[in-house]
């Protein structure tokens, strides 16, 4: 059984893009060459690695196993290159960090900015994902570090506290909701919302919580940032749910009122998660300790 690094990278690119064509392009291979490599891997194993689904190609159970080990192998090589790169001018270690919406917009920019300033030979590949996806990514090696909500099961991962994220409802000052001290998502689910982009982790999280309450949310439009949501709400276009940290920036704005969400899930402890802190390369361990304030 002989798979080279090109085979392993190609297979992961195919899974990431959901397409053999796009995976081949990511790997800088022609489609015939990529298809031949994929067939060679399947012939070697005697089992299919991919099957076609509604959203493109998906891995079989055998493919899942290969992907897990491919990430470990390639991740170890990247870590080796990163640590060796610390001794070479111009070479950078790359840390893959997956996180949820609130952390990426409200809590991470400043500490990551300071870390990158103090570590010129490090770059960070930052991705916004739901906490459940992040847990899986760190467990399988697709990411080295994650920021997750304590509401999700994190299995064997090690965790450190990062921040407290509280979600609040915002409405324009002339909206009847502005007179309330607190409410629940179920009580306002019939209203029209201004939301984050449909692919954001928070948007998916709120949709799940609404479904659990037997409701669905209606959105007039979607914005890329919490600040965009706040601006739209200030104009009376709808109501929104944002991080309390974002709402505080608009506390003195005449057109916005903040209403507490009484739902227990609205207050979340954000955790830094990793597989094994003691076994982490120097740059990754330094980032974890920086974010945790150690």
C-alpha atoms as a PDB file:
ATOM      1  CA  UNK A   1       0.000   0.000   0.000  1.00  0.00           C
ATOM      2  CA  UNK A   2       1.904   3.031  -1.279  1.00  0.00           C
ATOM      3  CA  UNK A   3       0.266   6.455  -1.202  1.00  0.00           C
ATOM      4  CA  UNK A   4       2.464   9.481  -1.764  1.00  0.00           C
ATOM      5  CA  UNK A   5       1.877  12.957  -0.343  1.00  0.00           C
ATOM      6  CA  UNK A   6       0.319  14.145  -3.597  1.00  0.00           C
ATOM      7  CA  UNK A   7      -2.272  11.358  -3.324  1.00  0.00           C
ATOM      8  CA  UNK A   8      -3.117  12.299   0.255  1.00  0.00           C
ATOM      9  CA  UNK A   9      -3.391  16.031  -0.460  1.00  0.00           C
ATOM     10  CA  UNK A  10      -5.501  15.377  -3.552  1.00  0.00           C
ATOM     11  CA  UNK A  11      -7.928  13.221  -1.607  1.00  0.00           C
ATOM     12  CA  UNK A  12      -8.369  15.849   1.115  1.00  0.00           C
ATOM     13  CA  UNK A  13      -8.854  18.606  -1.481  1.00  0.00           C
ATOM     14  CA  UNK A  14     -11.580  16.510  -3.145  1.00  0.00           C
ATOM     15  CA  UNK A  15     -13.372  16.124   0.190  1.00  0.00           C
ATOM     16  CA  UNK A  16     -12.998  19.831   1.050  1.00  0.00           C
ATOM     17  CA  UNK A  17     -14.430  20.969  -2.292  1.00  0.00           C
ATOM     18  CA  UNK A  18     -16.917  18.102  -2.744  1.00  0.00           C
ATOM     19  CA  UNK A  19     -15.702  17.686  -6.333  1.00  0.00           C
ATOM     20  CA  UNK A  20     -12.991  15.715  -8.114  1.00  0.00           C
ATOM     21  CA  UNK A  21     -12.664  18.536 -10.658  1.00  0.00           C
ATOM     22  CA  UNK A  22     -12.223  21.248  -8.026  1.00  0.00           C
ATOM     23  CA  UNK A  23      -9.996  19.021  -5.909  1.00  0.00           C
ATOM     24  CA  UNK A  24      -7.737  18.433  -8.909  1.00  0.00           C
ATOM     25  CA  UNK A  25      -7.519  22.184  -9.499  1.00  0.00           C
ATOM     26  CA  UNK A  26      -6.575  22.796  -5.845  1.00  0.00           C
ATOM     27  CA  UNK A  27      -3.851  20.160  -6.176  1.00  0.00           C
ATOM     28  CA  UNK A  28      -2.617  21.709  -9.457  1.00  0.00           C
ATOM     29  CA  UNK A  29      -3.359  18.465 -11.320  1.00  0.00           C
ATOM     30  CA  UNK A  30      -5.244  17.854 -14.529  1.00  0.00           C
ATOM     31  CA  UNK A  31      -8.569  16.070 -14.164  1.00  0.00           C
ATOM     32  CA  UNK A  32      -7.340  12.902 -15.973  1.00  0.00           C
ATOM     33  CA  UNK A  33      -4.258  12.775 -13.730  1.00  0.00           C
ATOM     34  CA  UNK A  34      -6.324  13.266 -10.577  1.00  0.00           C
ATOM     35  CA  UNK A  35      -8.841  10.626 -11.659  1.00  0.00           C
ATOM     36  CA  UNK A  36      -6.010   8.186 -12.365  1.00  0.00           C
ATOM     37  CA  UNK A  37      -4.519   8.772  -8.917  1.00  0.00           C
ATOM     38  CA  UNK A  38      -7.909   8.279  -7.269  1.00  0.00           C
ATOM     39  CA  UNK A  39      -8.473   5.022  -9.181  1.00  0.00           C
ATOM     40  CA  UNK A  40      -4.984   3.878  -8.194  1.00  0.00           C
ATOM     41  CA  UNK A  41      -5.739   4.435  -4.499  1.00  0.00           C
ATOM     42  CA  UNK A  42      -9.059   2.579  -4.770  1.00  0.00           C
ATOM     43  CA  UNK A  43      -7.449  -0.286  -6.711  1.00  0.00           C
ATOM     44  CA  UNK A  44      -4.737  -0.577  -4.075  1.00  0.00           C
ATOM     45  CA  UNK A  45      -7.298  -0.758  -1.288  1.00  0.00           C
ATOM     46  CA  UNK A  46      -9.792  -2.832  -3.237  1.00  0.00           C
ATOM     47  CA  UNK A  47     -12.596  -0.593  -1.940  1.00  0.00           C
ATOM     48  CA  UNK A  48     -14.213   2.664  -3.091  1.00  0.00           C
ATOM     49  CA  UNK A  49     -13.169   5.858  -1.350  1.00  0.00           C
ATOM     50  CA  UNK A  50     -15.901   8.160  -2.688  1.00  0.00           C
ATOM     51  CA  UNK A  51     -19.566   8.044  -3.509  1.00  0.00           C
ATOM     52  CA  UNK A  52     -21.678  10.636  -5.257  1.00  0.00           C
ATOM     53  CA  UNK A  53     -24.207  12.497  -3.112  1.00  0.00           C
ATOM     54  CA  UNK A  54     -26.606  15.390  -3.516  1.00  0.00           C
ATOM     55  CA  UNK A  55     -23.877  17.899  -2.627  1.00  0.00           C
ATOM     56  CA  UNK A  56     -21.166  16.308  -4.757  1.00  0.00           C
ATOM     57  CA  UNK A  57     -18.792  13.505  -3.858  1.00  0.00           C
ATOM     58  CA  UNK A  58     -18.636  12.277  -0.273  1.00  0.00           C
ATOM     59  CA  UNK A  59     -16.276   9.854   1.425  1.00  0.00           C
ATOM     60  CA  UNK A  60     -17.177   6.251   2.148  1.00  0.00           C
ATOM     61  CA  UNK A  61     -16.310   4.753   5.560  1.00  0.00           C
ATOM     62  CA  UNK A  62     -12.998   3.657   4.001  1.00  0.00           C
ATOM     63  CA  UNK A  63     -12.526   7.198   2.726  1.00  0.00           C
ATOM     64  CA  UNK A  64     -13.191   8.581   6.207  1.00  0.00           C
ATOM     65  CA  UNK A  65     -10.402   6.413   7.591  1.00  0.00           C
ATOM     66  CA  UNK A  66      -8.000   7.480   4.847  1.00  0.00           C
ATOM     67  CA  UNK A  67      -8.886  11.158   5.380  1.00  0.00           C
ATOM     68  CA  UNK A  68      -8.250  10.876   9.119  1.00  0.00           C
ATOM     69  CA  UNK A  69      -4.776   9.433   8.644  1.00  0.00           C
ATOM     70  CA  UNK A  70      -3.996  11.749   5.716  1.00  0.00           C
ATOM     71  CA  UNK A  71      -4.679  14.766   7.943  1.00  0.00           C
ATOM     72  CA  UNK A  72      -2.451  13.346  10.669  1.00  0.00           C
ATOM     73  CA  UNK A  73       0.392  12.622   8.226  1.00  0.00           C
ATOM     74  CA  UNK A  74       0.183  15.966   6.430  1.00  0.00           C
ATOM     75  CA  UNK A  75      -0.347  17.810   9.692  1.00  0.00           C
ATOM     76  CA  UNK A  76       2.809  16.292  11.136  1.00  0.00           C
ATOM     77  CA  UNK A  77       4.755  17.284   8.033  1.00  0.00           C
ATOM     78  CA  UNK A  78       3.402  20.852   8.271  1.00  0.00           C
ATOM     79  CA  UNK A  79       4.378  21.006  11.939  1.00  0.00           C
ATOM     80  CA  UNK A  80       7.862  19.744  11.103  1.00  0.00           C
ATOM     81  CA  UNK A  81       8.202  22.350   8.368  1.00  0.00           C
ATOM     82  CA  UNK A  82       6.859  25.040  10.677  1.00  0.00           C
ATOM     83  CA  UNK A  83       9.314  24.299  13.454  1.00  0.00           C
ATOM     84  CA  UNK A  84      12.212  24.017  11.018  1.00  0.00           C
ATOM     85  CA  UNK A  85      11.000  27.226   9.427  1.00  0.00           C
ATOM     86  CA  UNK A  86      11.532  29.051  12.697  1.00  0.00           C
ATOM     87  CA  UNK A  87      15.239  28.671  11.984  1.00  0.00           C
ATOM     88  CA  UNK A  88      14.950  30.034   8.458  1.00  0.00           C
ATOM     89  CA  UNK A  89      14.338  33.679   7.702  1.00  0.00           C
ATOM     90  CA  UNK A  90      11.095  34.152   5.775  1.00  0.00           C
ATOM     91  CA  UNK A  91       9.613  30.723   6.535  1.00  0.00           C
ATOM     92  CA  UNK A  92       6.334  30.775   8.454  1.00  0.00           C
ATOM     93  CA  UNK A  93       4.519  28.219  10.589  1.00  0.00           C
ATOM     94  CA  UNK A  94       0.806  27.994   9.691  1.00  0.00           C
ATOM     95  CA  UNK A  95      -1.711  27.330  12.472  1.00  0.00           C
ATOM     96  CA  UNK A  96      -5.235  26.237  11.542  1.00  0.00           C
ATOM     97  CA  UNK A  97      -7.756  27.772  13.938  1.00  0.00           C
ATOM     98  CA  UNK A  98     -11.510  27.110  13.621  1.00  0.00           C
ATOM     99  CA  UNK A  99     -13.951  29.210  15.628  1.00  0.00           C
ATOM    100  CA  UNK A 100     -17.567  30.324  15.933  1.00  0.00           C
ATOM    101  CA  UNK A 101     -19.080  33.636  14.794  1.00  0.00           C
ATOM    102  CA  UNK A 102     -18.895  35.535  18.082  1.00  0.00           C
ATOM    103  CA  UNK A 103     -15.255  34.645  18.717  1.00  0.00           C
ATOM    104  CA  UNK A 104     -14.090  35.504  15.206  1.00  0.00           C
ATOM    105  CA  UNK A 105     -15.813  38.901  15.188  1.00  0.00           C
ATOM    106  CA  UNK A 106     -15.703  40.033  18.812  1.00  0.00           C
ATOM    107  CA  UNK A 107     -13.080  38.230  20.874  1.00  0.00           C
ATOM    108  CA  UNK A 108     -10.244  37.115  18.587  1.00  0.00           C
ATOM    109  CA  UNK A 109      -9.128  40.117  16.478  1.00  0.00           C
ATOM    110  CA  UNK A 110      -7.201  41.915  19.240  1.00  0.00           C
ATOM    111  CA  UNK A 111      -5.402  38.923  20.822  1.00  0.00           C
ATOM    112  CA  UNK A 112      -4.581  37.395  17.435  1.00  0.00           C
ATOM    113  CA  UNK A 113      -3.311  40.768  16.217  1.00  0.00           C
ATOM    114  CA  UNK A 114      -0.963  41.007  19.210  1.00  0.00           C
ATOM    115  CA  UNK A 115       0.172  37.407  18.745  1.00  0.00           C
ATOM    116  CA  UNK A 116       1.000  37.905  15.065  1.00  0.00           C
ATOM    117  CA  UNK A 117       2.828  41.124  15.902  1.00  0.00           C
ATOM    118  CA  UNK A 118       5.018  39.284  18.421  1.00  0.00           C
ATOM    119  CA  UNK A 119       5.493  36.150  16.257  1.00  0.00           C
ATOM    120  CA  UNK A 120       6.526  37.307  12.765  1.00  0.00           C
ATOM    121  CA  UNK A 121       7.235  33.740  11.603  1.00  0.00           C
ATOM    122  CA  UNK A 122       3.664  32.556  12.213  1.00  0.00           C
ATOM    123  CA  UNK A 123       0.534  32.823  10.086  1.00  0.00           C
ATOM    124  CA  UNK A 124      -2.973  31.760  11.118  1.00  0.00           C
ATOM    125  CA  UNK A 125      -5.515  30.089   8.835  1.00  0.00           C
ATOM    126  CA  UNK A 126      -8.748  31.244  10.516  1.00  0.00           C
ATOM    127  CA  UNK A 127     -12.076  29.623   9.599  1.00  0.00           C
ATOM    128  CA  UNK A 128     -15.589  30.312  10.915  1.00  0.00           C
ATOM    129  CA  UNK A 129     -17.472  27.105  11.702  1.00  0.00           C
ATOM    130  CA  UNK A 130     -20.140  25.758  14.054  1.00  0.00           C
ATOM    131  CA  UNK A 131     -18.763  24.376  17.310  1.00  0.00           C
ATOM    132  CA  UNK A 132     -19.755  20.804  16.421  1.00  0.00           C
ATOM    133  CA  UNK A 133     -17.795  21.063  13.156  1.00  0.00           C
ATOM    134  CA  UNK A 134     -14.813  22.513  14.976  1.00  0.00           C
ATOM    135  CA  UNK A 135     -14.741  19.654  17.480  1.00  0.00           C
ATOM    136  CA  UNK A 136     -14.689  17.141  14.630  1.00  0.00           C
ATOM    137  CA  UNK A 137     -11.985  19.109  12.799  1.00  0.00           C
ATOM    138  CA  UNK A 138      -9.676  19.188  15.823  1.00  0.00           C
ATOM    139  CA  UNK A 139     -10.308  15.525  16.610  1.00  0.00           C
ATOM    140  CA  UNK A 140      -9.480  14.483  13.036  1.00  0.00           C
ATOM    141  CA  UNK A 141      -6.544  16.847  12.607  1.00  0.00           C
ATOM    142  CA  UNK A 142      -8.191  19.199  10.082  1.00  0.00           C
ATOM    143  CA  UNK A 143      -7.501  21.991  12.581  1.00  0.00           C
ATOM    144  CA  UNK A 144      -4.945  22.260  15.374  1.00  0.00           C
ATOM    145  CA  UNK A 145      -6.931  24.594  17.636  1.00  0.00           C
ATOM    146  CA  UNK A 146     -10.623  25.419  17.988  1.00  0.00           C
ATOM    147  CA  UNK A 147     -12.817  27.915  19.832  1.00  0.00           C
ATOM    148  CA  UNK A 148     -16.111  26.242  20.744  1.00  0.00           C
ATOM    149  CA  UNK A 149     -19.174  26.719  22.908  1.00  0.00           C
ATOM    150  CA  UNK A 150     -19.380  24.661  26.078  1.00  0.00           C
ATOM    151  CA  UNK A 151     -22.859  23.603  24.903  1.00  0.00           C
ATOM    152  CA  UNK A 152     -21.349  20.970  22.580  1.00  0.00           C
ATOM    153  CA  UNK A 153     -19.739  17.694  23.593  1.00  0.00           C
ATOM    154  CA  UNK A 154     -15.994  17.836  22.998  1.00  0.00           C
ATOM    155  CA  UNK A 155     -15.074  14.229  23.711  1.00  0.00           C
ATOM    156  CA  UNK A 156     -11.387  13.573  24.373  1.00  0.00           C
ATOM    157  CA  UNK A 157     -10.255  17.100  23.514  1.00  0.00           C
ATOM    158  CA  UNK A 158      -8.476  19.194  26.111  1.00  0.00           C
ATOM    159  CA  UNK A 159     -10.030  22.598  26.814  1.00  0.00           C
ATOM    160  CA  UNK A 160      -9.175  25.917  28.428  1.00  0.00           C
ATOM    161  CA  UNK A 161     -11.588  28.805  29.144  1.00  0.00           C
ATOM    162  CA  UNK A 162     -11.459  31.647  26.629  1.00  0.00           C
ATOM    163  CA  UNK A 163     -14.392  34.070  27.012  1.00  0.00           C
ATOM    164  CA  UNK A 164     -18.054  34.349  27.990  1.00  0.00           C
ATOM    165  CA  UNK A 165     -20.317  35.007  25.019  1.00  0.00           C
ATOM    166  CA  UNK A 166     -23.792  36.365  25.756  1.00  0.00           C
ATOM    167  CA  UNK A 167     -26.354  36.774  22.985  1.00  0.00           C
ATOM    168  CA  UNK A 168     -28.919  39.582  23.233  1.00  0.00           C
ATOM    169  CA  UNK A 169     -31.883  40.784  21.218  1.00  0.00           C
ATOM    170  CA  UNK A 170     -31.700  44.255  19.664  1.00  0.00           C
ATOM    171  CA  UNK A 171     -34.594  46.353  18.392  1.00  0.00           C
ATOM    172  CA  UNK A 172     -35.093  49.944  17.324  1.00  0.00           C
ATOM    173  CA  UNK A 173     -36.033  52.329  20.180  1.00  0.00           C
ATOM    174  CA  UNK A 174     -39.544  52.859  18.780  1.00  0.00           C
ATOM    175  CA  UNK A 175     -40.250  49.112  18.594  1.00  0.00           C
ATOM    176  CA  UNK A 176     -42.645  47.794  21.299  1.00  0.00           C
ATOM    177  CA  UNK A 177     -39.984  45.236  22.239  1.00  0.00           C
ATOM    178  CA  UNK A 178     -37.770  48.092  23.439  1.00  0.00           C
ATOM    179  CA  UNK A 179     -39.980  48.367  26.538  1.00  0.00           C
ATOM    180  CA  UNK A 180     -39.113  44.804  27.639  1.00  0.00           C
ATOM    181  CA  UNK A 181     -36.312  43.956  30.047  1.00  0.00           C
ATOM    182  CA  UNK A 182     -36.045  40.395  28.748  1.00  0.00           C
ATOM    183  CA  UNK A 183     -37.710  37.933  26.388  1.00  0.00           C
ATOM    184  CA  UNK A 184     -37.134  34.521  24.806  1.00  0.00           C
ATOM    185  CA  UNK A 185     -36.513  33.478  21.235  1.00  0.00           C
ATOM    186  CA  UNK A 186     -39.829  31.622  21.131  1.00  0.00           C
ATOM    187  CA  UNK A 187     -41.702  34.801  22.098  1.00  0.00           C
ATOM    188  CA  UNK A 188     -40.210  36.850  19.244  1.00  0.00           C
ATOM    189  CA  UNK A 189     -39.869  34.113  16.621  1.00  0.00           C
ATOM    190  CA  UNK A 190     -42.840  35.489  14.683  1.00  0.00           C
ATOM    191  CA  UNK A 191     -41.063  38.792  14.003  1.00  0.00           C
ATOM    192  CA  UNK A 192     -38.878  39.563  10.999  1.00  0.00           C
ATOM    193  CA  UNK A 193     -35.156  39.454  11.669  1.00  0.00           C
ATOM    194  CA  UNK A 194     -31.971  40.940  10.295  1.00  0.00           C
ATOM    195  CA  UNK A 195     -29.435  38.129  10.431  1.00  0.00           C
ATOM    196  CA  UNK A 196     -25.844  37.321   9.710  1.00  0.00           C
ATOM    197  CA  UNK A 197     -24.998  35.679   6.394  1.00  0.00           C
ATOM    198  CA  UNK A 198     -26.678  32.326   5.881  1.00  0.00           C
ATOM    199  CA  UNK A 199     -23.360  30.450   6.066  1.00  0.00           C
ATOM    200  CA  UNK A 200     -22.327  31.920   9.434  1.00  0.00           C
ATOM    201  CA  UNK A 201     -22.007  29.626  12.443  1.00  0.00           C
ATOM    202  CA  UNK A 202     -24.291  31.803  14.598  1.00  0.00           C
ATOM    203  CA  UNK A 203     -27.015  31.820  11.962  1.00  0.00           C
ATOM    204  CA  UNK A 204     -27.035  28.011  11.923  1.00  0.00           C
ATOM    205  CA  UNK A 205     -26.991  27.939  15.743  1.00  0.00           C
ATOM    206  CA  UNK A 206     -30.027  30.236  16.025  1.00  0.00           C
ATOM    207  CA  UNK A 207     -31.881  28.234  13.388  1.00  0.00           C
ATOM    208  CA  UNK A 208     -31.334  25.056  15.381  1.00  0.00           C
ATOM    209  CA  UNK A 209     -32.518  26.693  18.604  1.00  0.00           C
ATOM    210  CA  UNK A 210     -35.657  27.998  16.911  1.00  0.00           C
ATOM    211  CA  UNK A 211     -36.454  24.535  15.540  1.00  0.00           C
ATOM    212  CA  UNK A 212     -36.015  23.027  19.005  1.00  0.00           C
ATOM    213  CA  UNK A 213     -38.649  25.520  20.193  1.00  0.00           C
ATOM    214  CA  UNK A 214     -40.945  24.438  17.350  1.00  0.00           C
ATOM    215  CA  UNK A 215     -40.483  27.686  15.420  1.00  0.00           C
ATOM    216  CA  UNK A 216     -38.718  28.970  12.319  1.00  0.00           C
ATOM    217  CA  UNK A 217     -37.189  32.403  11.852  1.00  0.00           C
ATOM    218  CA  UNK A 218     -37.976  34.802   9.007  1.00  0.00           C
ATOM    219  CA  UNK A 219     -35.189  37.054   7.732  1.00  0.00           C
ATOM    220  CA  UNK A 220     -35.627  40.227   5.698  1.00  0.00           C
ATOM    221  CA  UNK A 221     -31.945  40.333   4.805  1.00  0.00           C
ATOM    222  CA  UNK A 222     -28.516  39.109   5.912  1.00  0.00           C
ATOM    223  CA  UNK A 223     -25.405  41.098   6.792  1.00  0.00           C
ATOM    224  CA  UNK A 224     -21.775  40.016   7.013  1.00  0.00           C
ATOM    225  CA  UNK A 225     -21.062  41.498  10.461  1.00  0.00           C
ATOM    226  CA  UNK A 226     -22.720  42.257  13.784  1.00  0.00           C
ATOM    227  CA  UNK A 227     -22.173  45.953  13.108  1.00  0.00           C
ATOM    228  CA  UNK A 228     -24.112  45.595   9.862  1.00  0.00           C
ATOM    229  CA  UNK A 229     -26.994  43.935  11.720  1.00  0.00           C
ATOM    230  CA  UNK A 230     -26.999  46.722  14.323  1.00  0.00           C
ATOM    231  CA  UNK A 231     -27.101  49.417  11.638  1.00  0.00           C
ATOM    232  CA  UNK A 232     -30.071  47.786   9.907  1.00  0.00           C
ATOM    233  CA  UNK A 233     -31.944  47.356  13.198  1.00  0.00           C
ATOM    234  CA  UNK A 234     -31.283  50.994  14.065  1.00  0.00           C
ATOM    235  CA  UNK A 235     -33.128  51.969  10.869  1.00  0.00           C
ATOM    236  CA  UNK A 236     -36.161  49.902  11.931  1.00  0.00           C
ATOM    237  CA  UNK A 237     -35.706  47.215   9.261  1.00  0.00           C
ATOM    238  CA  UNK A 238     -36.204  44.371  11.733  1.00  0.00           C
ATOM    239  CA  UNK A 239     -34.913  42.911  14.983  1.00  0.00           C
ATOM    240  CA  UNK A 240     -31.661  41.005  15.463  1.00  0.00           C
ATOM    241  CA  UNK A 241     -29.701  38.745  17.780  1.00  0.00           C
ATOM    242  CA  UNK A 242     -26.065  39.697  18.271  1.00  0.00           C
ATOM    243  CA  UNK A 243     -23.234  39.238  20.727  1.00  0.00           C
ATOM    244  CA  UNK A 244     -23.582  41.451  23.803  1.00  0.00           C
ATOM    245  CA  UNK A 245     -20.081  42.757  23.053  1.00  0.00           C
ATOM    246  CA  UNK A 246     -21.322  44.078  19.696  1.00  0.00           C
ATOM    247  CA  UNK A 247     -24.485  45.522  21.251  1.00  0.00           C
ATOM    248  CA  UNK A 248     -22.405  47.423  23.828  1.00  0.00           C
ATOM    249  CA  UNK A 249     -20.736  49.384  21.045  1.00  0.00           C
ATOM    250  CA  UNK A 250     -24.188  50.753  20.197  1.00  0.00           C
ATOM    251  CA  UNK A 251     -25.309  51.271  23.806  1.00  0.00           C
ATOM    252  CA  UNK A 252     -25.300  55.054  23.462  1.00  0.00           C
ATOM    253  CA  UNK A 253     -26.836  55.018  19.989  1.00  0.00           C
ATOM    254  CA  UNK A 254     -30.267  56.705  20.188  1.00  0.00           C
ATOM    255  CA  UNK A 255     -31.899  54.303  17.743  1.00  0.00           C
ATOM    256  CA  UNK A 256     -31.114  50.905  19.363  1.00  0.00           C
ATOM    257  CA  UNK A 257     -32.420  49.128  22.459  1.00  0.00           C
ATOM    258  CA  UNK A 258     -30.927  45.935  23.930  1.00  0.00           C
ATOM    259  CA  UNK A 259     -33.203  43.281  25.430  1.00  0.00           C
ATOM    260  CA  UNK A 260     -31.879  40.350  27.470  1.00  0.00           C
ATOM    261  CA  UNK A 261     -32.521  36.843  26.142  1.00  0.00           C
ATOM    262  CA  UNK A 262     -33.763  34.678  29.002  1.00  0.00           C
ATOM    263  CA  UNK A 263     -33.009  31.426  27.155  1.00  0.00           C
ATOM    264  CA  UNK A 264     -30.324  29.414  28.975  1.00  0.00           C
ATOM    265  CA  UNK A 265     -28.439  28.793  25.709  1.00  0.00           C
ATOM    266  CA  UNK A 266     -27.995  32.548  25.167  1.00  0.00           C
ATOM    267  CA  UNK A 267     -25.060  32.639  27.612  1.00  0.00           C
ATOM    268  CA  UNK A 268     -22.178  30.457  26.485  1.00  0.00           C
ATOM    269  CA  UNK A 269     -18.707  29.814  27.826  1.00  0.00           C
ATOM    270  CA  UNK A 270     -16.287  29.780  24.931  1.00  0.00           C
ATOM    271  CA  UNK A 271     -13.515  27.205  25.225  1.00  0.00           C
ATOM    272  CA  UNK A 272     -10.171  26.739  23.510  1.00  0.00           C
ATOM    273  CA  UNK A 273      -9.898  23.108  22.434  1.00  0.00           C
ATOM    274  CA  UNK A 274      -6.945  21.014  21.261  1.00  0.00           C
ATOM    275  CA  UNK A 275      -5.902  17.378  21.142  1.00  0.00           C
ATOM    276  CA  UNK A 276      -2.835  17.445  23.411  1.00  0.00           C
ATOM    277  CA  UNK A 277      -1.395  20.716  24.631  1.00  0.00           C
ATOM    278  CA  UNK A 278       1.862  19.164  25.854  1.00  0.00           C
ATOM    279  CA  UNK A 279       2.531  17.560  22.459  1.00  0.00           C
ATOM    280  CA  UNK A 280       1.820  20.688  20.425  1.00  0.00           C
ATOM    281  CA  UNK A 281       4.564  22.359  18.377  1.00  0.00           C
ATOM    282  CA  UNK A 282       6.009  25.511  19.881  1.00  0.00           C
ATOM    283  CA  UNK A 283       4.006  28.033  17.812  1.00  0.00           C
ATOM    284  CA  UNK A 284       0.639  26.339  18.391  1.00  0.00           C
ATOM    285  CA  UNK A 285       1.283  25.943  22.105  1.00  0.00           C
ATOM    286  CA  UNK A 286       2.269  29.608  22.314  1.00  0.00           C
ATOM    287  CA  UNK A 287      -0.993  30.651  20.635  1.00  0.00           C
ATOM    288  CA  UNK A 288      -3.087  28.521  23.003  1.00  0.00           C
ATOM    289  CA  UNK A 289      -1.343  30.002  26.045  1.00  0.00           C
ATOM    290  CA  UNK A 290      -1.689  33.517  24.641  1.00  0.00           C
ATOM    291  CA  UNK A 291      -5.442  33.131  24.032  1.00  0.00           C
ATOM    292  CA  UNK A 292      -5.961  31.545  27.462  1.00  0.00           C
ATOM    293  CA  UNK A 293      -3.944  34.275  29.197  1.00  0.00           C
ATOM    294  CA  UNK A 294      -1.460  31.798  30.658  1.00  0.00           C
END
